[in-house]
Amino acid sequence: MIYSLRHYLRLILGPEPLRGVRPGLCLEIGSGAFPLWFSDVLSDRYVTDRSHRSQRPLLVDRRPTVICDATALPFKDRAFDFVVCRHVLEHIPDAATALAEMVRVARGGYIETPSPVSELLFGWPKHRWCVWVENDVLHLSPKVAGPFGTLFHDLYQADRRFAAFFDARPDLFLTRYLWRERLCWVVHGTATLLDSTEDELACGEPLPEENVSSFPLQHRIWHRLTWLVRIARRRQAPVDITDLLQCPTCKGALRLEPEELVCLACGAHYPGTAGRYVLLPTDR
């Protein structure tokens, strides 16, 4: 796939609204294949299913990684200083609950989605919501099918000039929302999935394993550069997340066992070890 230099710089340095932000302890929801350099804890909903990540694998490095649901985050209240949610919110059926969870676990954060213009042109079938900001309020409306099929997807891959234009205009093609302490949103209606296939939550996801070396050379170079930025900014120290976690089913305390976490309240068992855990609610 063709990407412009501007695109890779944004992947390495992070979105422009965050360049001057010192986020403190940071959780990234839906870290996918391109986690941000300053994210201390990575999380995603799927290990094996790549359909929500443009068929890219989940990148797992030395940072703690949790497989969890954004609507039932397995973290204690205000466990983080900052939470990042990029190109995830538009996928979530119960987006309002996911937003409430972000406010619960963090003191501030950053949300990024495709803009209404992007949704019109590209019409991603896995997206449920059209998202925009008006008067510092985040608005979500059920997405309607785009009229152009794969036309603009093909154009982005085939035409460097269009790719460069797209990457140079995040103000036009992205919805970006930076919040602190207070997050306001309005949900207009109920979203349905436009894709003809069922969007089922996977059960029994395997534990994520470190896999950077299995990525293509171009991706490994990007990751090495982001890690150098992380070292330069003195964020390379590992984070012990066991004290940050709670049961996603009942919010009870967890006991660390050799190869799992056990809820002291409801007795649920969650597989995991060495900072990599699968913490999906057992009541869904």
C-alpha atoms as a PDB file:
ATOM      1  CA  MET A   1       0.000   0.000   0.000  1.00  0.00           C
ATOM      2  CA  ILE A   2       1.224   3.502  -0.831  1.00  0.00           C
ATOM      3  CA  TYR A   3       1.731   5.852   2.087  1.00  0.00           C
ATOM      4  CA  SER A   4       3.125   9.352   2.020  1.00  0.00           C
ATOM      5  CA  LEU A   5       6.060  10.508   4.166  1.00  0.00           C
ATOM      6  CA  ARG A   6       3.598  12.648   6.108  1.00  0.00           C
ATOM      7  CA  HIS A   7       1.604   9.501   6.913  1.00  0.00           C
ATOM      8  CA  TYR A   8       4.653   7.745   8.385  1.00  0.00           C
ATOM      9  CA  LEU A   9       5.702  10.794  10.373  1.00  0.00           C
ATOM     10  CA  ARG A  10       2.232  10.879  11.907  1.00  0.00           C
ATOM     11  CA  LEU A  11       2.505   7.174  12.732  1.00  0.00           C
ATOM     12  CA  ILE A  12       5.904   7.708  14.394  1.00  0.00           C
ATOM     13  CA  LEU A  13       5.261  10.972  16.232  1.00  0.00           C
ATOM     14  CA  GLY A  14       1.535  10.587  16.836  1.00  0.00           C
ATOM     15  CA  PRO A  15      -1.424  12.786  15.819  1.00  0.00           C
ATOM     16  CA  GLU A  16      -0.736  16.522  15.624  1.00  0.00           C
ATOM     17  CA  PRO A  17      -3.105  17.452  18.509  1.00  0.00           C
ATOM     18  CA  LEU A  18      -0.984  15.285  20.829  1.00  0.00           C
ATOM     19  CA  ARG A  19       2.473  16.609  19.890  1.00  0.00           C
ATOM     20  CA  GLY A  20       2.615  18.993  22.860  1.00  0.00           C
ATOM     21  CA  VAL A  21       0.737  16.766  25.299  1.00  0.00           C
ATOM     22  CA  ARG A  22       2.564  15.036  28.156  1.00  0.00           C
ATOM     23  CA  PRO A  23       0.002  12.347  28.862  1.00  0.00           C
ATOM     24  CA  GLY A  24       1.441  10.625  31.947  1.00  0.00           C
ATOM     25  CA  LEU A  25       0.430   6.968  32.304  1.00  0.00           C
ATOM     26  CA  CYS A  26      -1.367   6.226  29.032  1.00  0.00           C
ATOM     27  CA  LEU A  27      -3.747   3.465  27.932  1.00  0.00           C
ATOM     28  CA  GLU A  28      -4.376   2.894  24.235  1.00  0.00           C
ATOM     29  CA  ILE A  29      -7.710   1.304  23.309  1.00  0.00           C
ATOM     30  CA  GLY A  30      -7.565  -0.576  20.030  1.00  0.00           C
ATOM     31  CA  SER A  31      -3.797  -0.279  19.610  1.00  0.00           C
ATOM     32  CA  GLY A  32      -3.896  -2.571  16.568  1.00  0.00           C
ATOM     33  CA  ALA A  33      -0.878  -2.688  14.271  1.00  0.00           C
ATOM     34  CA  PHE A  34       0.338   0.872  14.928  1.00  0.00           C
ATOM     35  CA  PRO A  35       0.384   1.664  18.674  1.00  0.00           C
ATOM     36  CA  LEU A  36       1.546   5.139  19.655  1.00  0.00           C
ATOM     37  CA  TRP A  37       5.044   5.583  21.057  1.00  0.00           C
ATOM     38  CA  PHE A  38       3.828   7.107  24.348  1.00  0.00           C
ATOM     39  CA  SER A  39       1.189   4.452  25.096  1.00  0.00           C
ATOM     40  CA  ASP A  40       2.266   2.526  28.200  1.00  0.00           C
ATOM     41  CA  VAL A  41      -0.479  -0.131  28.174  1.00  0.00           C
ATOM     42  CA  LEU A  42      -1.889  -1.554  24.940  1.00  0.00           C
ATOM     43  CA  SER A  43      -5.329  -3.088  24.526  1.00  0.00           C
ATOM     44  CA  ASP A  44      -7.415  -4.542  21.732  1.00  0.00           C
ATOM     45  CA  ARG A  45     -10.572  -6.605  21.365  1.00  0.00           C
ATOM     46  CA  TYR A  46      -9.219  -9.215  18.973  1.00  0.00           C
ATOM     47  CA  VAL A  47      -6.024 -11.228  18.560  1.00  0.00           C
ATOM     48  CA  THR A  48      -6.809 -13.376  15.525  1.00  0.00           C
ATOM     49  CA  ASP A  49      -9.662 -11.475  13.831  1.00  0.00           C
ATOM     50  CA  ARG A  50      -8.104  -8.798  11.589  1.00  0.00           C
ATOM     51  CA  SER A  51     -11.281  -7.558   9.901  1.00  0.00           C
ATOM     52  CA  HIS A  52     -11.383  -4.385  12.027  1.00  0.00           C
ATOM     53  CA  ARG A  53      -7.670  -3.667  11.401  1.00  0.00           C
ATOM     54  CA  SER A  54      -7.601  -3.670   7.588  1.00  0.00           C
ATOM     55  CA  GLN A  55      -6.362  -7.284   7.779  1.00  0.00           C
ATOM     56  CA  ARG A  56      -3.227  -6.301   9.695  1.00  0.00           C
ATOM     57  CA  PRO A  57      -2.103  -8.430  12.669  1.00  0.00           C
ATOM     58  CA  LEU A  58      -2.131  -7.127  16.218  1.00  0.00           C
ATOM     59  CA  LEU A  59       1.316  -5.785  17.089  1.00  0.00           C
ATOM     60  CA  VAL A  60       2.577  -6.965  20.485  1.00  0.00           C
ATOM     61  CA  ASP A  61       5.868  -5.685  21.881  1.00  0.00           C
ATOM     62  CA  ARG A  62       7.372  -5.412  25.373  1.00  0.00           C
ATOM     63  CA  ARG A  63       4.551  -3.246  26.697  1.00  0.00           C
ATOM     64  CA  PRO A  64       1.709  -4.785  28.753  1.00  0.00           C
ATOM     65  CA  THR A  65      -1.080  -5.921  26.429  1.00  0.00           C
ATOM     66  CA  VAL A  66      -4.666  -6.668  27.459  1.00  0.00           C
ATOM     67  CA  ILE A  67      -7.371  -8.251  25.316  1.00  0.00           C
ATOM     68  CA  CYS A  68     -10.577  -6.610  26.520  1.00  0.00           C
ATOM     69  CA  ASP A  69     -13.878  -5.021  25.515  1.00  0.00           C
ATOM     70  CA  ALA A  70     -14.017  -1.218  25.339  1.00  0.00           C
ATOM     71  CA  THR A  71     -17.479  -1.297  26.931  1.00  0.00           C
ATOM     72  CA  ALA A  72     -16.176  -3.193  29.988  1.00  0.00           C
ATOM     73  CA  LEU A  73     -12.601  -2.071  30.525  1.00  0.00           C
ATOM     74  CA  PRO A  74     -10.811  -4.231  33.130  1.00  0.00           C
ATOM     75  CA  PHE A  75      -9.156  -1.277  34.847  1.00  0.00           C
ATOM     76  CA  LYS A  76      -9.824   0.516  38.117  1.00  0.00           C
ATOM     77  CA  ASP A  77     -11.353   3.994  38.254  1.00  0.00           C
ATOM     78  CA  ARG A  78      -8.854   6.690  37.250  1.00  0.00           C
ATOM     79  CA  ALA A  79      -6.124   4.108  36.769  1.00  0.00           C
ATOM     80  CA  PHE A  80      -4.645   6.191  33.940  1.00  0.00           C
ATOM     81  CA  ASP A  81      -3.791   9.813  33.316  1.00  0.00           C
ATOM     82  CA  PHE A  82      -4.678   9.560  29.637  1.00  0.00           C
ATOM     83  CA  VAL A  83      -6.523   7.241  27.258  1.00  0.00           C
ATOM     84  CA  VAL A  84      -6.181   7.164  23.473  1.00  0.00           C
ATOM     85  CA  CYS A  85      -8.897   5.706  21.244  1.00  0.00           C
ATOM     86  CA  ARG A  86      -8.049   6.016  17.543  1.00  0.00           C
ATOM     87  CA  HIS A  87     -10.253   4.573  14.798  1.00  0.00           C
ATOM     88  CA  VAL A  88     -12.119   2.338  17.222  1.00  0.00           C
ATOM     89  CA  LEU A  89     -15.202   4.240  18.392  1.00  0.00           C
ATOM     90  CA  GLU A  90     -16.866   4.062  14.974  1.00  0.00           C
ATOM     91  CA  HIS A  91     -16.829   0.240  15.229  1.00  0.00           C
ATOM     92  CA  ILE A  92     -18.444  -0.140  18.667  1.00  0.00           C
ATOM     93  CA  PRO A  93     -22.206  -0.883  18.797  1.00  0.00           C
ATOM     94  CA  ASP A  94     -22.638   0.592  22.295  1.00  0.00           C
ATOM     95  CA  ALA A  95     -20.433   3.628  21.777  1.00  0.00           C
ATOM     96  CA  ALA A  96     -21.962   5.574  24.685  1.00  0.00           C
ATOM     97  CA  THR A  97     -20.898   2.894  27.169  1.00  0.00           C
ATOM     98  CA  ALA A  98     -17.393   2.869  25.698  1.00  0.00           C
ATOM     99  CA  LEU A  99     -17.162   6.649  26.139  1.00  0.00           C
ATOM    100  CA  ALA A 100     -18.363   6.368  29.736  1.00  0.00           C
ATOM    101  CA  GLU A 101     -15.699   3.726  30.377  1.00  0.00           C
ATOM    102  CA  MET A 102     -12.979   6.051  29.052  1.00  0.00           C
ATOM    103  CA  VAL A 103     -14.078   8.770  31.461  1.00  0.00           C
ATOM    104  CA  ARG A 104     -14.116   6.251  34.295  1.00  0.00           C
ATOM    105  CA  VAL A 105     -10.585   4.897  33.817  1.00  0.00           C
ATOM    106  CA  ALA A 106      -8.739   8.085  32.784  1.00  0.00           C
ATOM    107  CA  ARG A 107      -8.500  11.783  33.593  1.00  0.00           C
ATOM    108  CA  GLY A 108      -8.260  12.848  29.984  1.00  0.00           C
ATOM    109  CA  GLY A 109      -7.853  11.489  26.514  1.00  0.00           C
ATOM    110  CA  TYR A 110      -7.896  11.713  22.751  1.00  0.00           C
ATOM    111  CA  ILE A 111     -10.465  10.272  20.336  1.00  0.00           C
ATOM    112  CA  GLU A 112      -9.928  10.022  16.585  1.00  0.00           C
ATOM    113  CA  THR A 113     -12.297   8.672  13.951  1.00  0.00           C
ATOM    114  CA  PRO A 114     -12.918   9.186  10.244  1.00  0.00           C
ATOM    115  CA  SER A 115     -14.829  12.388   9.579  1.00  0.00           C
ATOM    116  CA  PRO A 116     -18.279  12.426   7.956  1.00  0.00           C
ATOM    117  CA  VAL A 117     -16.536  13.336   4.683  1.00  0.00           C
ATOM    118  CA  SER A 118     -14.323  10.246   4.939  1.00  0.00           C
ATOM    119  CA  GLU A 119     -17.292   8.025   5.721  1.00  0.00           C
ATOM    120  CA  LEU A 120     -19.126   9.390   2.680  1.00  0.00           C
ATOM    121  CA  LEU A 121     -16.188   8.818   0.320  1.00  0.00           C
ATOM    122  CA  PHE A 122     -14.791   5.542   1.644  1.00  0.00           C
ATOM    123  CA  GLY A 123     -17.881   3.929   3.208  1.00  0.00           C
ATOM    124  CA  TRP A 124     -16.087   1.351   5.383  1.00  0.00           C
ATOM    125  CA  PRO A 125     -18.597  -1.521   5.830  1.00  0.00           C
ATOM    126  CA  LYS A 126     -17.353  -2.374   9.348  1.00  0.00           C
ATOM    127  CA  HIS A 127     -18.091   1.122  10.667  1.00  0.00           C
ATOM    128  CA  ARG A 128     -21.338   1.741  12.535  1.00  0.00           C
ATOM    129  CA  TRP A 129     -21.102   5.438  13.406  1.00  0.00           C
ATOM    130  CA  CYS A 130     -20.518   8.759  11.729  1.00  0.00           C
ATOM    131  CA  VAL A 131     -18.688  10.974  14.256  1.00  0.00           C
ATOM    132  CA  TRP A 132     -18.173  14.741  14.392  1.00  0.00           C
ATOM    133  CA  VAL A 133     -17.524  17.521  16.915  1.00  0.00           C
ATOM    134  CA  GLU A 134     -19.818  20.517  17.337  1.00  0.00           C
ATOM    135  CA  ASN A 135     -19.444  23.132  20.088  1.00  0.00           C
ATOM    136  CA  ASP A 136     -16.955  20.886  21.905  1.00  0.00           C
ATOM    137  CA  VAL A 137     -19.503  18.048  21.997  1.00  0.00           C
ATOM    138  CA  LEU A 138     -18.875  14.697  20.336  1.00  0.00           C
ATOM    139  CA  HIS A 139     -21.809  13.618  18.152  1.00  0.00           C
ATOM    140  CA  LEU A 140     -22.460  10.090  16.884  1.00  0.00           C
ATOM    141  CA  SER A 141     -25.048   9.241  14.259  1.00  0.00           C
ATOM    142  CA  PRO A 142     -25.761   5.865  12.607  1.00  0.00           C
ATOM    143  CA  LYS A 143     -23.738   5.596   9.428  1.00  0.00           C
ATOM    144  CA  VAL A 144     -25.449   5.187   6.078  1.00  0.00           C
ATOM    145  CA  ALA A 145     -23.931   3.298   3.168  1.00  0.00           C
ATOM    146  CA  GLY A 146     -21.551   5.344   1.016  1.00  0.00           C
ATOM    147  CA  PRO A 147     -22.311   5.649  -2.718  1.00  0.00           C
ATOM    148  CA  PHE A 148     -18.791   5.111  -4.072  1.00  0.00           C
ATOM    149  CA  GLY A 149     -17.946   1.503  -3.199  1.00  0.00           C
ATOM    150  CA  THR A 150     -14.181   0.908  -3.286  1.00  0.00           C
ATOM    151  CA  LEU A 151     -13.435   3.811  -5.651  1.00  0.00           C
ATOM    152  CA  PHE A 152     -11.587   5.992  -3.135  1.00  0.00           C
ATOM    153  CA  HIS A 153      -9.890   2.999  -1.491  1.00  0.00           C
ATOM    154  CA  ASP A 154      -8.451   2.071  -4.887  1.00  0.00           C
ATOM    155  CA  LEU A 155      -7.523   5.679  -5.605  1.00  0.00           C
ATOM    156  CA  TYR A 156      -5.635   6.000  -2.308  1.00  0.00           C
ATOM    157  CA  GLN A 157      -3.567   2.908  -3.090  1.00  0.00           C
ATOM    158  CA  ALA A 158      -2.922   3.732  -6.747  1.00  0.00           C
ATOM    159  CA  ASP A 159      -2.417   7.503  -6.795  1.00  0.00           C
ATOM    160  CA  ARG A 160       0.382   9.039  -4.707  1.00  0.00           C
ATOM    161  CA  ARG A 161      -1.008  12.527  -5.219  1.00  0.00           C
ATOM    162  CA  PHE A 162      -4.384  11.602  -3.773  1.00  0.00           C
ATOM    163  CA  ALA A 163      -2.718   9.712  -0.890  1.00  0.00           C
ATOM    164  CA  ALA A 164      -0.566  12.764  -0.147  1.00  0.00           C
ATOM    165  CA  PHE A 165      -3.611  15.051  -0.289  1.00  0.00           C
ATOM    166  CA  PHE A 166      -5.571  12.763   2.033  1.00  0.00           C
ATOM    167  CA  ASP A 167      -2.721  12.557   4.560  1.00  0.00           C
ATOM    168  CA  ALA A 168      -2.146  16.324   4.401  1.00  0.00           C
ATOM    169  CA  ARG A 169      -5.744  17.175   5.344  1.00  0.00           C
ATOM    170  CA  PRO A 170      -6.617  15.566   8.693  1.00  0.00           C
ATOM    171  CA  ASP A 171      -8.823  18.591   9.343  1.00  0.00           C
ATOM    172  CA  LEU A 172     -11.032  17.424   6.468  1.00  0.00           C
ATOM    173  CA  PHE A 173     -10.785  13.652   6.700  1.00  0.00           C
ATOM    174  CA  LEU A 174     -10.534  13.044  10.463  1.00  0.00           C
ATOM    175  CA  THR A 175     -12.639  13.844  13.510  1.00  0.00           C
ATOM    176  CA  ARG A 176     -10.283  14.606  16.419  1.00  0.00           C
ATOM    177  CA  TYR A 177     -11.351  15.274  19.992  1.00  0.00           C
ATOM    178  CA  LEU A 178      -9.012  16.077  22.890  1.00  0.00           C
ATOM    179  CA  TRP A 179     -10.637  16.106  26.327  1.00  0.00           C
ATOM    180  CA  ARG A 180      -9.622  16.643  29.941  1.00  0.00           C
ATOM    181  CA  GLU A 181     -11.702  15.559  32.963  1.00  0.00           C
ATOM    182  CA  ARG A 182     -14.967  16.190  31.110  1.00  0.00           C
ATOM    183  CA  LEU A 183     -16.170  14.425  27.969  1.00  0.00           C
ATOM    184  CA  CYS A 184     -19.507  15.409  26.422  1.00  0.00           C
ATOM    185  CA  TRP A 185     -21.280  13.359  23.783  1.00  0.00           C
ATOM    186  CA  VAL A 186     -24.659  12.945  22.085  1.00  0.00           C
ATOM    187  CA  VAL A 187     -25.749   9.722  20.385  1.00  0.00           C
ATOM    188  CA  HIS A 188     -28.374  10.148  17.674  1.00  0.00           C
ATOM    189  CA  GLY A 189     -30.229   6.862  17.156  1.00  0.00           C
ATOM    190  CA  THR A 190     -29.077   3.242  17.164  1.00  0.00           C
ATOM    191  CA  ALA A 191     -26.312   1.972  14.926  1.00  0.00           C
ATOM    192  CA  THR A 192     -26.557  -1.166  12.812  1.00  0.00           C
ATOM    193  CA  LEU A 193     -23.818  -2.960  10.925  1.00  0.00           C
ATOM    194  CA  LEU A 194     -23.915  -2.353   7.173  1.00  0.00           C
ATOM    195  CA  ASP A 195     -21.718  -5.361   6.412  1.00  0.00           C
ATOM    196  CA  SER A 196     -23.696  -8.449   5.441  1.00  0.00           C
ATOM    197  CA  THR A 197     -21.633 -10.679   7.734  1.00  0.00           C
ATOM    198  CA  GLU A 198     -22.280 -11.006  11.445  1.00  0.00           C
ATOM    199  CA  ASP A 199     -20.024  -8.972  13.695  1.00  0.00           C
ATOM    200  CA  GLU A 200     -19.704 -11.449  16.514  1.00  0.00           C
ATOM    201  CA  LEU A 201     -17.425 -11.049  19.510  1.00  0.00           C
ATOM    202  CA  ALA A 202     -14.795 -13.737  19.473  1.00  0.00           C
ATOM    203  CA  CYS A 203     -14.656 -16.048  22.478  1.00  0.00           C
ATOM    204  CA  GLY A 204     -11.606 -17.819  23.814  1.00  0.00           C
ATOM    205  CA  GLU A 205      -9.098 -15.435  22.249  1.00  0.00           C
ATOM    206  CA  PRO A 206      -5.516 -16.691  22.710  1.00  0.00           C
ATOM    207  CA  LEU A 207      -2.955 -14.818  24.758  1.00  0.00           C
ATOM    208  CA  PRO A 208      -1.075 -12.269  22.649  1.00  0.00           C
ATOM    209  CA  GLU A 209       2.607 -13.037  22.141  1.00  0.00           C
ATOM    210  CA  GLU A 210       5.409 -10.640  21.230  1.00  0.00           C
ATOM    211  CA  ASN A 211       5.532 -10.664  17.440  1.00  0.00           C
ATOM    212  CA  VAL A 212       7.348  -7.575  16.136  1.00  0.00           C
ATOM    213  CA  SER A 213       9.954  -9.719  14.352  1.00  0.00           C
ATOM    214  CA  SER A 214       7.232 -11.354  12.228  1.00  0.00           C
ATOM    215  CA  PHE A 215       6.139  -8.058  10.636  1.00  0.00           C
ATOM    216  CA  PRO A 216       7.412  -6.869   7.230  1.00  0.00           C
ATOM    217  CA  LEU A 217      10.682  -4.905   7.199  1.00  0.00           C
ATOM    218  CA  GLN A 218       8.936  -1.571   6.581  1.00  0.00           C
ATOM    219  CA  HIS A 219       6.756  -2.094   9.657  1.00  0.00           C
ATOM    220  CA  ARG A 220       9.722  -3.176  11.804  1.00  0.00           C
ATOM    221  CA  ILE A 221      11.612  -0.020  10.837  1.00  0.00           C
ATOM    222  CA  TRP A 222       8.588   2.078  11.841  1.00  0.00           C
ATOM    223  CA  HIS A 223       8.397   0.267  15.186  1.00  0.00           C
ATOM    224  CA  ARG A 224      12.122   0.734  15.850  1.00  0.00           C
ATOM    225  CA  LEU A 225      11.823   4.464  15.175  1.00  0.00           C
ATOM    226  CA  THR A 226       8.848   4.783  17.524  1.00  0.00           C
ATOM    227  CA  TRP A 227      10.781   2.905  20.198  1.00  0.00           C
ATOM    228  CA  LEU A 228      13.730   5.293  19.779  1.00  0.00           C
ATOM    229  CA  VAL A 229      11.334   8.194  20.321  1.00  0.00           C
ATOM    230  CA  ARG A 230      10.027   6.401  23.404  1.00  0.00           C
ATOM    231  CA  ILE A 231      13.560   5.983  24.775  1.00  0.00           C
ATOM    232  CA  ALA A 232      14.440   9.603  23.989  1.00  0.00           C
ATOM    233  CA  ARG A 233      11.357  10.738  25.896  1.00  0.00           C
ATOM    234  CA  ARG A 234      12.253   8.397  28.797  1.00  0.00           C
ATOM    235  CA  ARG A 235       9.125   6.269  28.550  1.00  0.00           C
ATOM    236  CA  GLN A 236      10.838   2.915  28.093  1.00  0.00           C
ATOM    237  CA  ALA A 237      10.436   1.777  31.718  1.00  0.00           C
ATOM    238  CA  PRO A 238       8.062  -1.215  31.933  1.00  0.00           C
ATOM    239  CA  VAL A 239       4.705  -0.773  33.671  1.00  0.00           C
ATOM    240  CA  ASP A 240       3.365  -3.317  36.180  1.00  0.00           C
ATOM    241  CA  ILE A 241      -0.364  -3.328  35.467  1.00  0.00           C
ATOM    242  CA  THR A 242      -1.504  -5.889  38.027  1.00  0.00           C
ATOM    243  CA  ASP A 243      -2.426  -3.151  40.509  1.00  0.00           C
ATOM    244  CA  LEU A 244      -4.433  -1.344  37.807  1.00  0.00           C
ATOM    245  CA  LEU A 245      -6.679  -4.267  36.888  1.00  0.00           C
ATOM    246  CA  GLN A 246     -10.132  -5.257  38.070  1.00  0.00           C
ATOM    247  CA  CYS A 247     -12.655  -7.902  37.046  1.00  0.00           C
ATOM    248  CA  PRO A 248     -14.448  -6.813  33.832  1.00  0.00           C
ATOM    249  CA  THR A 249     -17.523  -8.817  34.821  1.00  0.00           C
ATOM    250  CA  CYS A 250     -18.211  -7.594  38.375  1.00  0.00           C
ATOM    251  CA  LYS A 251     -15.433  -5.000  38.967  1.00  0.00           C
ATOM    252  CA  GLY A 252     -14.100  -7.086  41.844  1.00  0.00           C
ATOM    253  CA  ALA A 253     -10.460  -7.371  42.903  1.00  0.00           C
ATOM    254  CA  LEU A 254      -8.234  -9.861  41.095  1.00  0.00           C
ATOM    255  CA  ARG A 255      -5.730 -12.316  42.538  1.00  0.00           C
ATOM    256  CA  LEU A 256      -2.629 -13.073  40.494  1.00  0.00           C
ATOM    257  CA  GLU A 257      -1.992 -16.779  39.941  1.00  0.00           C
ATOM    258  CA  PRO A 258       0.912 -18.332  37.977  1.00  0.00           C
ATOM    259  CA  GLU A 259      -0.988 -18.432  34.657  1.00  0.00           C
ATOM    260  CA  GLU A 260      -4.228 -16.573  35.302  1.00  0.00           C
ATOM    261  CA  LEU A 261      -6.082 -13.898  37.229  1.00  0.00           C
ATOM    262  CA  VAL A 262      -8.930 -14.933  39.518  1.00  0.00           C
ATOM    263  CA  CYS A 263     -11.711 -12.601  40.670  1.00  0.00           C
ATOM    264  CA  LEU A 264     -12.096 -12.647  44.446  1.00  0.00           C
ATOM    265  CA  ALA A 265     -15.757 -11.567  44.160  1.00  0.00           C
ATOM    266  CA  CYS A 266     -17.346 -13.621  41.373  1.00  0.00           C
ATOM    267  CA  GLY A 267     -14.723 -16.332  40.953  1.00  0.00           C
ATOM    268  CA  ALA A 268     -14.162 -15.699  37.237  1.00  0.00           C
ATOM    269  CA  HIS A 269     -10.864 -16.929  35.777  1.00  0.00           C
ATOM    270  CA  TYR A 270      -8.919 -14.936  33.185  1.00  0.00           C
ATOM    271  CA  PRO A 271      -5.855 -16.375  31.420  1.00  0.00           C
ATOM    272  CA  GLY A 272      -2.651 -14.408  31.398  1.00  0.00           C
ATOM    273  CA  THR A 273       0.892 -14.014  32.599  1.00  0.00           C
ATOM    274  CA  ALA A 274       3.802 -11.559  32.466  1.00  0.00           C
ATOM    275  CA  GLY A 275       1.735  -8.494  31.599  1.00  0.00           C
ATOM    276  CA  ARG A 276      -0.394 -10.128  28.882  1.00  0.00           C
ATOM    277  CA  TYR A 277      -3.952 -10.952  29.810  1.00  0.00           C
ATOM    278  CA  VAL A 278      -7.304 -11.817  28.251  1.00  0.00           C
ATOM    279  CA  LEU A 279      -9.918 -10.007  30.335  1.00  0.00           C
ATOM    280  CA  LEU A 280     -13.259 -10.357  28.566  1.00  0.00           C
ATOM    281  CA  PRO A 281     -16.548 -10.278  30.528  1.00  0.00           C
ATOM    282  CA  THR A 282     -17.901 -13.736  31.261  1.00  0.00           C
ATOM    283  CA  ASP A 283     -21.556 -12.624  31.257  1.00  0.00           C
ATOM    284  CA  ARG A 284     -21.759 -11.829  27.531  1.00  0.00           C
END
